[in-house]
Amino acid sequence: MSEAGENADRDEPTPVAELGYEAARDELVDVVRILEHGGLDLDASLALWERGEALATRCEEHLAGARKRVEDAIARTEIEDE
C-alpha cells in the first residue's frame, strides 16, 4: 500500500522529505491516477498537483543519489584496477 493509503487515518500526509523512493513513487502514481480520473474541485486538484510535483522532485533526488553512488563505485573500481 502506498504512503497515501497508510496515512488515510491521519489528517496530514507524510512529509515528502521523509519518503523513500518507492513510497514517493507509489504515492505519485496514486496522485496521477486521481488527477486523471477527475471529479475534484479546483483547490483540491491544485493541492494534489502540488503534492505530485513535490513527490516527483523527491523521486528525482533519490535517483540522482543512486546514480552518484554507482558512479563513485565505478570510479573506485577503476582506480583500484590501475
Protein backbone atom coordinates (compact mmCIF):
# COMPACT_ATOMS: atom_id res chain seq x y z
CA MET A 1 0.00 0.00 0.00
CA SER A 2 1.24 3.49 -0.73
CA GLU A 3 2.06 6.15 1.83
CA ALA A 4 -1.16 7.95 0.92
CA GLY A 5 -3.15 4.87 1.89
CA GLU A 6 -1.18 4.29 5.06
CA ASN A 7 -1.88 7.85 6.16
CA ALA A 8 -5.59 7.77 5.34
CA ASP A 9 -6.48 7.73 9.05
CA ARG A 10 -4.40 10.82 9.74
CA ASP A 11 -5.24 14.40 8.78
CA GLU A 12 -1.88 15.11 7.19
CA PRO A 13 0.23 13.11 4.75
CA THR A 14 3.79 12.07 5.48
CA PRO A 15 6.16 14.94 4.65
CA VAL A 16 7.65 14.34 1.20
CA ALA A 17 11.19 14.76 2.54
CA GLU A 18 10.66 11.70 4.77
CA LEU A 19 9.61 9.37 1.94
CA GLY A 20 11.88 6.76 0.43
CA TYR A 21 11.98 6.30 -3.32
CA GLU A 22 9.42 3.50 -3.54
CA ALA A 23 6.94 5.23 -1.23
CA ALA A 24 7.24 8.53 -3.13
CA ARG A 25 6.89 6.76 -6.48
CA ASP A 26 3.85 4.77 -5.37
CA GLU A 27 2.13 7.85 -3.98
CA LEU A 28 2.96 9.76 -7.17
CA VAL A 29 1.29 7.02 -9.21
CA ASP A 30 -1.79 7.35 -6.98
CA VAL A 31 -1.81 11.14 -7.39
CA VAL A 32 -1.64 10.87 -11.18
CA ARG A 33 -4.44 8.31 -11.20
CA ILE A 34 -6.68 10.52 -9.05
CA LEU A 35 -5.99 13.61 -11.15
CA GLU A 36 -6.62 11.72 -14.40
CA HIS A 37 -9.92 10.43 -13.03
CA GLY A 38 -11.05 13.98 -12.30
CA GLY A 39 -14.01 14.99 -10.21
CA LEU A 40 -12.09 17.13 -7.72
CA ASP A 41 -12.73 20.82 -7.27
CA LEU A 42 -10.06 23.27 -8.40
CA ASP A 43 -8.47 23.80 -4.99
CA ALA A 44 -8.24 20.07 -4.27
CA SER A 45 -6.82 19.43 -7.75
CA LEU A 46 -4.18 22.13 -7.32
CA ALA A 47 -3.19 20.85 -3.88
CA LEU A 48 -2.89 17.32 -5.24
CA TRP A 49 -0.91 18.53 -8.26
CA GLU A 50 1.49 20.41 -5.95
CA ARG A 51 1.95 17.25 -3.87
CA GLY A 52 2.63 15.34 -7.08
CA GLU A 53 5.28 17.85 -8.14
CA ALA A 54 6.98 17.52 -4.75
CA LEU A 55 6.83 13.73 -4.99
CA ALA A 56 8.35 13.79 -8.48
CA THR A 57 11.17 16.01 -7.25
CA ARG A 58 11.78 13.64 -4.33
CA CYS A 59 11.98 10.67 -6.70
CA GLU A 60 14.49 12.57 -8.85
CA GLU A 61 16.59 13.31 -5.75
CA HIS A 62 16.67 9.63 -4.82
CA LEU A 63 17.61 8.63 -8.37
CA ALA A 64 20.35 11.26 -8.55
CA GLY A 65 21.77 9.98 -5.27
CA ALA A 66 21.71 6.40 -6.51
CA ARG A 67 23.37 7.43 -9.78
CA LYS A 68 26.13 9.22 -7.84
CA ARG A 69 26.74 6.16 -5.67
CA VAL A 70 27.07 3.94 -8.76
CA GLU A 71 29.40 6.42 -10.47
CA ASP A 72 31.56 6.66 -7.34
CA ALA A 73 31.74 2.87 -7.04
CA ILE A 74 32.77 2.55 -10.69
CA ALA A 75 35.42 5.24 -10.26
CA ARG A 76 36.85 3.48 -7.18
CA THR A 77 36.96 0.18 -9.06
CA GLU A 78 38.78 1.78 -11.99
CA ILE A 79 41.35 3.35 -9.66
CA GLU A 80 41.91 0.04 -7.87
CA ASP A 81 42.41 -1.74 -11.21
CA GLU A 82 45.22 0.62 -12.26
